[in-house]
Amino acid sequence: MQGKRAMITGGAGGLGLAIARALVKEQVHVALWDLNGERLEAALSALRAEKVMAEGWVVDVTDPTAVREAAAKVGPVDVLFNNAGVHAPGDFLENSESDISRQIAVNLTSYIYVARAFLPGMISRGSGHLVWTASAAGLLGVPGMAVYSATKHAVVGLAESIRMELRRAGHGGIKTTIVCPSFIDTGMFNGCTPPAIAPWLKPDALAREIVSAVRADRLYVREPAMVKLIPLLKALPSSVGDLLCALTGMDRSLGGPPVEKRRVHRP
């Protein structure tokens, strides 16, 4: 990957900055977009200390005009990381309309705007790589994050559909990687208690895994190991899946009342 150019949305903190640090070690030139200007400057200073090319722009990725204008400034990129994300805590009916709109705009709509800004250049060059930050919550519903989970399910469907459209159109040189991690220790889910079988993921370790997947053209990154079992879990009867979620504590990761202890009535 040495000498390639990568662009990361939400790149000034959390997983985005961890990905940037991992790419820098590969001598990849990185461009960061973030809404927080102060955090962006701090991230760029840290990256430039590694003596690599790092650029950044303050961009509201929910604004299609701002996305197009910033993309023109960035120019062609080899790897695009659609990574910006927000989460509003609370059950579905507890989320305000602004919370709901914000999550959809950042977690899904911005991914569409950003991909449409950079994908035509990849098609014209015949190569590129689209990396989509989804979530384990994009593979399985999780109580306490209904709207967030909905947006991440949509990202998985969007990424898979675009991949198939590109293949059908003969653009096989453009690869896809979909990232579906469980809870990452970045601060987004402060107060969360991850399931016992899925401890906190460290952003730097996950970022290295993502960069490795891009290098190997892997379609999915699903971490930790239990996330790889979600397709099997969904194949089970819903009652069995619900029981497993209760036993592991997954259904209470983001709060909520404990599951009632039910008596078993035998005939």
C-alpha atoms as a PDB file:
ATOM      1  CA  MET A   1       0.000   0.000   0.000  1.00  0.00           C
ATOM      2  CA  GLN A   2       3.037   2.266   0.105  1.00  0.00           C
ATOM      3  CA  GLY A   3       2.481   5.523  -1.749  1.00  0.00           C
ATOM      4  CA  LYS A   4      -1.285   5.138  -2.099  1.00  0.00           C
ATOM      5  CA  ARG A   5      -3.752   7.812  -1.000  1.00  0.00           C
ATOM      6  CA  ALA A   6      -6.538   7.177   1.490  1.00  0.00           C
ATOM      7  CA  MET A   7      -9.425   9.368   2.630  1.00  0.00           C
ATOM      8  CA  ILE A   8     -11.160   8.867   5.995  1.00  0.00           C
ATOM      9  CA  THR A   9     -14.388  10.486   7.158  1.00  0.00           C
ATOM     10  CA  GLY A  10     -14.628  10.986  10.901  1.00  0.00           C
ATOM     11  CA  GLY A  11     -10.856  10.754  10.735  1.00  0.00           C
ATOM     12  CA  ALA A  12      -9.792  12.972  13.629  1.00  0.00           C
ATOM     13  CA  GLY A  13     -10.702  10.637  16.468  1.00  0.00           C
ATOM     14  CA  GLY A  14     -11.784   7.176  17.519  1.00  0.00           C
ATOM     15  CA  LEU A  15     -11.522   4.415  14.953  1.00  0.00           C
ATOM     16  CA  GLY A  16     -10.906   6.903  12.124  1.00  0.00           C
ATOM     17  CA  LEU A  17      -7.726   8.248  13.693  1.00  0.00           C
ATOM     18  CA  ALA A  18      -6.605   4.713  14.588  1.00  0.00           C
ATOM     19  CA  ILE A  19      -7.014   3.734  10.925  1.00  0.00           C
ATOM     20  CA  ALA A  20      -5.000   6.802   9.906  1.00  0.00           C
ATOM     21  CA  ARG A  21      -2.192   5.792  12.282  1.00  0.00           C
ATOM     22  CA  ALA A  22      -2.195   2.263  10.873  1.00  0.00           C
ATOM     23  CA  LEU A  23      -2.056   3.591   7.303  1.00  0.00           C
ATOM     24  CA  VAL A  24       0.792   5.953   8.138  1.00  0.00           C
ATOM     25  CA  LYS A  25       2.873   2.963   9.197  1.00  0.00           C
ATOM     26  CA  GLU A  26       2.285   1.595   5.669  1.00  0.00           C
ATOM     27  CA  GLN A  27       3.532   4.885   4.161  1.00  0.00           C
ATOM     28  CA  VAL A  28       0.063   5.703   2.872  1.00  0.00           C
ATOM     29  CA  HIS A  29      -0.793   9.372   2.299  1.00  0.00           C
ATOM     30  CA  VAL A  30      -3.900  10.169   4.341  1.00  0.00           C
ATOM     31  CA  ALA A  31      -6.603  12.798   4.029  1.00  0.00           C
ATOM     32  CA  LEU A  32      -8.947  13.309   6.959  1.00  0.00           C
ATOM     33  CA  TRP A  33     -12.412  14.820   7.094  1.00  0.00           C
ATOM     34  CA  ASP A  34     -13.962  15.751  10.420  1.00  0.00           C
ATOM     35  CA  LEU A  35     -16.512  18.192  11.734  1.00  0.00           C
ATOM     36  CA  ASN A  36     -14.374  19.151  14.739  1.00  0.00           C
ATOM     37  CA  GLY A  37     -11.674  21.575  13.586  1.00  0.00           C
ATOM     38  CA  GLU A  38      -9.627  21.570  16.792  1.00  0.00           C
ATOM     39  CA  ARG A  39      -9.551  17.805  16.980  1.00  0.00           C
ATOM     40  CA  LEU A  40      -8.633  17.656  13.300  1.00  0.00           C
ATOM     41  CA  GLU A  41      -5.626  19.950  13.745  1.00  0.00           C
ATOM     42  CA  ALA A  42      -4.403  17.887  16.698  1.00  0.00           C
ATOM     43  CA  ALA A  43      -4.733  14.676  14.686  1.00  0.00           C
ATOM     44  CA  LEU A  44      -2.873  16.140  11.701  1.00  0.00           C
ATOM     45  CA  SER A  45      -0.035  17.372  13.900  1.00  0.00           C
ATOM     46  CA  ALA A  46       0.376  13.926  15.419  1.00  0.00           C
ATOM     47  CA  LEU A  47       0.361  12.221  12.022  1.00  0.00           C
ATOM     48  CA  ARG A  48       2.778  14.688  10.438  1.00  0.00           C
ATOM     49  CA  ALA A  49       5.198  13.955  13.262  1.00  0.00           C
ATOM     50  CA  GLU A  50       5.541  10.539  11.589  1.00  0.00           C
ATOM     51  CA  LYS A  51       6.940  12.390   8.546  1.00  0.00           C
ATOM     52  CA  VAL A  52       4.193  11.335   6.171  1.00  0.00           C
ATOM     53  CA  MET A  53       1.774  13.328   4.078  1.00  0.00           C
ATOM     54  CA  ALA A  54      -1.397  14.080   6.049  1.00  0.00           C
ATOM     55  CA  GLU A  55      -4.041  16.557   4.971  1.00  0.00           C
ATOM     56  CA  GLY A  56      -7.341  17.499   6.509  1.00  0.00           C
ATOM     57  CA  TRP A  57     -10.530  19.447   5.923  1.00  0.00           C
ATOM     58  CA  VAL A  58     -13.380  20.427   8.191  1.00  0.00           C
ATOM     59  CA  VAL A  59     -16.373  18.949   6.395  1.00  0.00           C
ATOM     60  CA  ASP A  60     -19.992  18.373   7.313  1.00  0.00           C
ATOM     61  CA  VAL A  61     -20.502  15.047   5.562  1.00  0.00           C
ATOM     62  CA  THR A  62     -24.274  15.399   5.841  1.00  0.00           C
ATOM     63  CA  ASP A  63     -24.142  18.361   3.417  1.00  0.00           C
ATOM     64  CA  PRO A  64     -23.929  17.078  -0.181  1.00  0.00           C
ATOM     65  CA  THR A  65     -22.587  20.388  -1.524  1.00  0.00           C
ATOM     66  CA  ALA A  66     -19.837  20.492   1.117  1.00  0.00           C
ATOM     67  CA  VAL A  67     -18.940  16.884   0.300  1.00  0.00           C
ATOM     68  CA  ARG A  68     -18.619  17.569  -3.429  1.00  0.00           C
ATOM     69  CA  GLU A  69     -16.510  20.698  -2.872  1.00  0.00           C
ATOM     70  CA  ALA A  70     -14.193  18.981  -0.394  1.00  0.00           C
ATOM     71  CA  ALA A  71     -13.829  15.934  -2.645  1.00  0.00           C
ATOM     72  CA  ALA A  72     -12.654  18.192  -5.465  1.00  0.00           C
ATOM     73  CA  LYS A  73      -9.952  19.554  -3.155  1.00  0.00           C
ATOM     74  CA  VAL A  74      -8.829  16.087  -2.056  1.00  0.00           C
ATOM     75  CA  GLY A  75      -8.571  14.732  -5.588  1.00  0.00           C
ATOM     76  CA  PRO A  76      -8.251  11.053  -6.514  1.00  0.00           C
ATOM     77  CA  VAL A  77      -7.979   8.508  -3.687  1.00  0.00           C
ATOM     78  CA  ASP A  78      -7.094   4.831  -3.804  1.00  0.00           C
ATOM     79  CA  VAL A  79      -8.889   3.818  -0.613  1.00  0.00           C
ATOM     80  CA  LEU A  80     -12.015   5.479   0.757  1.00  0.00           C
ATOM     81  CA  PHE A  81     -12.983   4.891   4.379  1.00  0.00           C
ATOM     82  CA  ASN A  82     -16.615   5.818   5.002  1.00  0.00           C
ATOM     83  CA  ASN A  83     -16.281   5.917   8.758  1.00  0.00           C
ATOM     84  CA  ALA A  84     -18.145   8.877  10.309  1.00  0.00           C
ATOM     85  CA  GLY A  85     -20.657   7.807  12.929  1.00  0.00           C
ATOM     86  CA  VAL A  86     -22.824   8.946  15.839  1.00  0.00           C
ATOM     87  CA  HIS A  87     -24.987   7.161  18.380  1.00  0.00           C
ATOM     88  CA  ALA A  88     -27.811   8.542  20.526  1.00  0.00           C
ATOM     89  CA  PRO A  89     -28.337   6.444  23.668  1.00  0.00           C
ATOM     90  CA  GLY A  90     -31.759   5.255  24.696  1.00  0.00           C
ATOM     91  CA  ASP A  91     -34.516   2.969  23.541  1.00  0.00           C
ATOM     92  CA  PHE A  92     -36.400   3.734  20.344  1.00  0.00           C
ATOM     93  CA  LEU A  93     -39.189   5.824  21.887  1.00  0.00           C
ATOM     94  CA  GLU A  94     -36.688   7.711  24.042  1.00  0.00           C
ATOM     95  CA  ASN A  95     -34.792   9.100  21.055  1.00  0.00           C
ATOM     96  CA  SER A  96     -35.837  12.583  19.984  1.00  0.00           C
ATOM     97  CA  GLU A  97     -36.619  13.326  16.362  1.00  0.00           C
ATOM     98  CA  SER A  98     -33.361  15.262  16.092  1.00  0.00           C
ATOM     99  CA  ASP A  99     -31.450  12.265  17.513  1.00  0.00           C
ATOM    100  CA  ILE A 100     -33.055  10.020  14.914  1.00  0.00           C
ATOM    101  CA  SER A 101     -32.430  12.410  12.020  1.00  0.00           C
ATOM    102  CA  ARG A 102     -28.812  12.977  13.035  1.00  0.00           C
ATOM    103  CA  GLN A 103     -28.013   9.268  13.211  1.00  0.00           C
ATOM    104  CA  ILE A 104     -29.543   8.603   9.802  1.00  0.00           C
ATOM    105  CA  ALA A 105     -27.793  11.600   8.249  1.00  0.00           C
ATOM    106  CA  VAL A 106     -24.313  10.808   9.592  1.00  0.00           C
ATOM    107  CA  ASN A 107     -24.358   7.007   9.661  1.00  0.00           C
ATOM    108  CA  LEU A 108     -26.059   6.392   6.331  1.00  0.00           C
ATOM    109  CA  THR A 109     -26.857   9.394   4.128  1.00  0.00           C
ATOM    110  CA  SER A 110     -23.336  10.794   4.389  1.00  0.00           C
ATOM    111  CA  TYR A 111     -21.936   7.447   3.234  1.00  0.00           C
ATOM    112  CA  ILE A 112     -24.023   7.761   0.079  1.00  0.00           C
ATOM    113  CA  TYR A 113     -22.866  11.332  -0.588  1.00  0.00           C
ATOM    114  CA  VAL A 114     -19.195  10.493   0.014  1.00  0.00           C
ATOM    115  CA  ALA A 115     -19.237   7.335  -2.106  1.00  0.00           C
ATOM    116  CA  ARG A 116     -20.900   9.188  -4.982  1.00  0.00           C
ATOM    117  CA  ALA A 117     -18.207  11.868  -4.779  1.00  0.00           C
ATOM    118  CA  PHE A 118     -15.220   9.508  -5.025  1.00  0.00           C
ATOM    119  CA  LEU A 119     -16.479   6.396  -6.821  1.00  0.00           C
ATOM    120  CA  PRO A 120     -16.586   7.888 -10.354  1.00  0.00           C
ATOM    121  CA  GLY A 121     -12.847   8.621 -10.136  1.00  0.00           C
ATOM    122  CA  MET A 122     -12.145   5.039  -9.111  1.00  0.00           C
ATOM    123  CA  ILE A 123     -14.218   3.787 -12.026  1.00  0.00           C
ATOM    124  CA  SER A 124     -12.359   5.999 -14.497  1.00  0.00           C
ATOM    125  CA  ARG A 125      -8.996   4.724 -13.165  1.00  0.00           C
ATOM    126  CA  GLY A 126     -10.177   1.115 -12.997  1.00  0.00           C
ATOM    127  CA  SER A 127      -9.073   0.600  -9.397  1.00  0.00           C
ATOM    128  CA  GLY A 128      -9.894   1.535  -5.830  1.00  0.00           C
ATOM    129  CA  HIS A 129     -11.150   0.200  -2.551  1.00  0.00           C
ATOM    130  CA  LEU A 130     -14.311   1.154  -0.659  1.00  0.00           C
ATOM    131  CA  VAL A 131     -14.221   0.525   3.088  1.00  0.00           C
ATOM    132  CA  TRP A 132     -17.497   0.867   4.975  1.00  0.00           C
ATOM    133  CA  THR A 133     -17.643   1.092   8.768  1.00  0.00           C
ATOM    134  CA  ALA A 134     -20.808  -0.762   9.692  1.00  0.00           C
ATOM    135  CA  SER A 135     -21.200  -2.647  12.979  1.00  0.00           C
ATOM    136  CA  ALA A 136     -22.112  -5.950  14.541  1.00  0.00           C
ATOM    137  CA  ALA A 137     -25.381  -4.074  15.106  1.00  0.00           C
ATOM    138  CA  GLY A 138     -25.668  -4.036  11.319  1.00  0.00           C
ATOM    139  CA  LEU A 139     -25.925  -7.822  11.371  1.00  0.00           C
ATOM    140  CA  LEU A 140     -28.168  -8.277  14.416  1.00  0.00           C
ATOM    141  CA  GLY A 141     -30.650  -6.018  16.177  1.00  0.00           C
ATOM    142  CA  VAL A 142     -29.477  -4.697  19.548  1.00  0.00           C
ATOM    143  CA  PRO A 143     -31.802  -3.238  22.224  1.00  0.00           C
ATOM    144  CA  GLY A 144     -30.990   0.356  23.084  1.00  0.00           C
ATOM    145  CA  MET A 145     -29.717   1.263  19.626  1.00  0.00           C
ATOM    146  CA  ALA A 146     -32.629   0.659  17.282  1.00  0.00           C
ATOM    147  CA  VAL A 147     -31.992   3.587  14.928  1.00  0.00           C
ATOM    148  CA  TYR A 148     -28.219   3.127  15.042  1.00  0.00           C
ATOM    149  CA  SER A 149     -28.693  -0.565  14.220  1.00  0.00           C
ATOM    150  CA  ALA A 150     -31.052   0.336  11.374  1.00  0.00           C
ATOM    151  CA  THR A 151     -28.461   2.646   9.818  1.00  0.00           C
ATOM    152  CA  LYS A 152     -25.749   0.003  10.101  1.00  0.00           C
ATOM    153  CA  HIS A 153     -27.958  -2.674   8.545  1.00  0.00           C
ATOM    154  CA  ALA A 154     -28.497  -0.198   5.714  1.00  0.00           C
ATOM    155  CA  VAL A 155     -24.742   0.373   5.315  1.00  0.00           C
ATOM    156  CA  VAL A 156     -24.201  -3.376   4.922  1.00  0.00           C
ATOM    157  CA  GLY A 157     -26.915  -3.566   2.277  1.00  0.00           C
ATOM    158  CA  LEU A 158     -25.616  -0.466   0.506  1.00  0.00           C
ATOM    159  CA  ALA A 159     -22.044  -1.744   0.411  1.00  0.00           C
ATOM    160  CA  GLU A 160     -22.995  -5.202  -0.811  1.00  0.00           C
ATOM    161  CA  SER A 161     -25.294  -3.795  -3.489  1.00  0.00           C
ATOM    162  CA  ILE A 162     -22.692  -1.358  -4.821  1.00  0.00           C
ATOM    163  CA  ARG A 163     -20.099  -4.147  -4.868  1.00  0.00           C
ATOM    164  CA  MET A 164     -22.413  -6.279  -7.004  1.00  0.00           C
ATOM    165  CA  GLU A 165     -23.271  -3.373  -9.305  1.00  0.00           C
ATOM    166  CA  LEU A 166     -19.574  -2.728  -9.872  1.00  0.00           C
ATOM    167  CA  ARG A 167     -18.915  -6.395 -10.594  1.00  0.00           C
ATOM    168  CA  ARG A 168     -21.864  -6.563 -13.019  1.00  0.00           C
ATOM    169  CA  ALA A 169     -20.582  -3.463 -14.839  1.00  0.00           C
ATOM    170  CA  GLY A 170     -17.092  -4.944 -15.219  1.00  0.00           C
ATOM    171  CA  HIS A 171     -15.394  -2.791 -12.584  1.00  0.00           C
ATOM    172  CA  GLY A 172     -13.851  -5.667 -10.695  1.00  0.00           C
ATOM    173  CA  GLY A 173     -10.759  -3.614  -9.932  1.00  0.00           C
ATOM    174  CA  ILE A 174     -12.729  -1.728  -7.261  1.00  0.00           C
ATOM    175  CA  LYS A 175     -12.797  -3.769  -4.076  1.00  0.00           C
ATOM    176  CA  THR A 176     -15.031  -3.625  -1.008  1.00  0.00           C
ATOM    177  CA  THR A 177     -14.477  -4.224   2.695  1.00  0.00           C
ATOM    178  CA  ILE A 178     -17.324  -4.021   5.221  1.00  0.00           C
ATOM    179  CA  VAL A 179     -16.296  -3.570   8.854  1.00  0.00           C
ATOM    180  CA  CYS A 180     -18.645  -5.048  11.468  1.00  0.00           C
ATOM    181  CA  PRO A 181     -17.113  -4.745  14.940  1.00  0.00           C
ATOM    182  CA  SER A 182     -18.742  -5.084  18.320  1.00  0.00           C
ATOM    183  CA  PHE A 183     -18.221  -2.322  20.909  1.00  0.00           C
ATOM    184  CA  ILE A 184     -15.022  -0.302  20.357  1.00  0.00           C
ATOM    185  CA  ASP A 185     -13.349   1.504  23.240  1.00  0.00           C
ATOM    186  CA  THR A 186     -13.505   4.983  21.681  1.00  0.00           C
ATOM    187  CA  GLY A 187     -15.925   6.744  24.020  1.00  0.00           C
ATOM    188  CA  MET A 188     -18.946   6.516  21.706  1.00  0.00           C
ATOM    189  CA  PHE A 189     -20.529   3.909  23.961  1.00  0.00           C
ATOM    190  CA  ASN A 190     -19.512   5.180  27.388  1.00  0.00           C
ATOM    191  CA  GLY A 191     -21.632   3.513  30.041  1.00  0.00           C
ATOM    192  CA  CYS A 192     -22.113   0.393  27.947  1.00  0.00           C
ATOM    193  CA  THR A 193     -21.372  -3.050  29.374  1.00  0.00           C
ATOM    194  CA  PRO A 194     -20.296  -5.312  26.510  1.00  0.00           C
ATOM    195  CA  PRO A 195     -21.410  -8.960  26.575  1.00  0.00           C
ATOM    196  CA  ALA A 196     -19.091 -11.292  28.429  1.00  0.00           C
ATOM    197  CA  ILE A 197     -18.084 -13.041  25.214  1.00  0.00           C
ATOM    198  CA  ALA A 198     -17.397  -9.795  23.334  1.00  0.00           C
ATOM    199  CA  PRO A 199     -15.097  -7.566  25.404  1.00  0.00           C
ATOM    200  CA  TRP A 200     -14.158  -4.031  24.388  1.00  0.00           C
ATOM    201  CA  LEU A 201     -12.232  -3.832  21.127  1.00  0.00           C
ATOM    202  CA  LYS A 202      -9.129  -1.632  21.121  1.00  0.00           C
ATOM    203  CA  PRO A 203      -9.224   0.813  18.193  1.00  0.00           C
ATOM    204  CA  ASP A 204      -5.553   0.435  17.225  1.00  0.00           C
ATOM    205  CA  ALA A 205      -5.761  -3.367  17.063  1.00  0.00           C
ATOM    206  CA  LEU A 206      -8.992  -3.202  15.061  1.00  0.00           C
ATOM    207  CA  ALA A 207      -7.474  -0.618  12.712  1.00  0.00           C
ATOM    208  CA  ARG A 208      -4.540  -2.934  11.976  1.00  0.00           C
ATOM    209  CA  GLU A 209      -7.008  -5.716  11.215  1.00  0.00           C
ATOM    210  CA  ILE A 210      -8.926  -3.446   8.848  1.00  0.00           C
ATOM    211  CA  VAL A 211      -5.778  -2.403   6.975  1.00  0.00           C
ATOM    212  CA  SER A 212      -4.781  -6.067   6.707  1.00  0.00           C
ATOM    213  CA  ALA A 213      -8.226  -6.870   5.279  1.00  0.00           C
ATOM    214  CA  VAL A 214      -7.885  -4.100   2.688  1.00  0.00           C
ATOM    215  CA  ARG A 215      -4.497  -5.429   1.664  1.00  0.00           C
ATOM    216  CA  ALA A 216      -5.949  -8.944   1.307  1.00  0.00           C
ATOM    217  CA  ASP A 217      -9.165  -7.759  -0.436  1.00  0.00           C
ATOM    218  CA  ARG A 218     -11.331  -9.340   2.270  1.00  0.00           C
ATOM    219  CA  LEU A 219     -15.015  -8.517   2.032  1.00  0.00           C
ATOM    220  CA  TYR A 220     -15.760  -8.580   5.772  1.00  0.00           C
ATOM    221  CA  VAL A 221     -14.036  -7.700   9.023  1.00  0.00           C
ATOM    222  CA  ARG A 222     -16.116  -9.137  11.883  1.00  0.00           C
ATOM    223  CA  GLU A 223     -14.587  -8.786  15.343  1.00  0.00           C
ATOM    224  CA  PRO A 224     -14.393 -10.220  17.948  1.00  0.00           C
ATOM    225  CA  ALA A 225     -14.833 -13.901  17.169  1.00  0.00           C
ATOM    226  CA  MET A 226     -18.433 -14.101  18.395  1.00  0.00           C
ATOM    227  CA  VAL A 227     -19.522 -11.642  15.684  1.00  0.00           C
ATOM    228  CA  LYS A 228     -18.546 -14.224  13.087  1.00  0.00           C
ATOM    229  CA  LEU A 229     -21.223 -16.484  14.593  1.00  0.00           C
ATOM    230  CA  ILE A 230     -24.087 -14.024  14.079  1.00  0.00           C
ATOM    231  CA  PRO A 231     -25.248 -15.611  10.777  1.00  0.00           C
ATOM    232  CA  LEU A 232     -25.533 -18.926  12.635  1.00  0.00           C
ATOM    233  CA  LEU A 233     -27.378 -17.253  15.509  1.00  0.00           C
ATOM    234  CA  LYS A 234     -29.919 -15.752  13.105  1.00  0.00           C
ATOM    235  CA  ALA A 235     -30.510 -19.169  11.566  1.00  0.00           C
ATOM    236  CA  LEU A 236     -31.732 -20.478  14.935  1.00  0.00           C
ATOM    237  CA  PRO A 237     -35.340 -20.128  16.129  1.00  0.00           C
ATOM    238  CA  SER A 238     -35.901 -16.641  17.540  1.00  0.00           C
ATOM    239  CA  SER A 239     -36.616 -18.046  21.009  1.00  0.00           C
ATOM    240  CA  VAL A 240     -33.196 -19.700  21.075  1.00  0.00           C
ATOM    241  CA  GLY A 241     -31.495 -16.542  19.844  1.00  0.00           C
ATOM    242  CA  ASP A 242     -33.301 -14.461  22.474  1.00  0.00           C
ATOM    243  CA  LEU A 243     -32.198 -16.867  25.191  1.00  0.00           C
ATOM    244  CA  LEU A 244     -28.569 -16.705  24.083  1.00  0.00           C
ATOM    245  CA  CYS A 245     -28.704 -12.904  24.027  1.00  0.00           C
ATOM    246  CA  ALA A 246     -30.098 -12.927  27.558  1.00  0.00           C
ATOM    247  CA  LEU A 247     -27.535 -15.404  28.852  1.00  0.00           C
ATOM    248  CA  THR A 248     -24.611 -13.423  27.429  1.00  0.00           C
ATOM    249  CA  GLY A 249     -26.014 -10.084  28.584  1.00  0.00           C
ATOM    250  CA  MET A 250     -26.124  -8.698  25.049  1.00  0.00           C
ATOM    251  CA  ASP A 251     -29.723  -7.554  25.466  1.00  0.00           C
ATOM    252  CA  ARG A 252     -28.669  -5.424  28.462  1.00  0.00           C
ATOM    253  CA  SER A 253     -25.401  -4.025  27.094  1.00  0.00           C
ATOM    254  CA  LEU A 254     -26.888  -0.543  26.807  1.00  0.00           C
ATOM    255  CA  GLY A 255     -29.002  -0.671  29.930  1.00  0.00           C
ATOM    256  CA  GLY A 256     -32.618  -1.610  30.392  1.00  0.00           C
ATOM    257  CA  PRO A 257     -34.272  -3.792  32.999  1.00  0.00           C
ATOM    258  CA  PRO A 258     -32.877  -7.260  33.664  1.00  0.00           C
ATOM    259  CA  VAL A 259     -34.611 -10.165  31.993  1.00  0.00           C
ATOM    260  CA  GLU A 260     -37.190 -11.706  34.296  1.00  0.00           C
ATOM    261  CA  LYS A 261     -36.467 -15.133  35.681  1.00  0.00           C
ATOM    262  CA  ARG A 262     -39.202 -17.346  34.328  1.00  0.00           C
ATOM    263  CA  ARG A 263     -40.423 -20.475  35.994  1.00  0.00           C
ATOM    264  CA  VAL A 264     -40.540 -23.570  33.862  1.00  0.00           C
ATOM    265  CA  HIS A 265     -43.941 -25.196  34.164  1.00  0.00           C
ATOM    266  CA  ARG A 266     -43.799 -28.883  33.503  1.00  0.00           C
ATOM    267  CA  PRO A 267     -46.891 -30.965  32.779  1.00  0.00           C
END
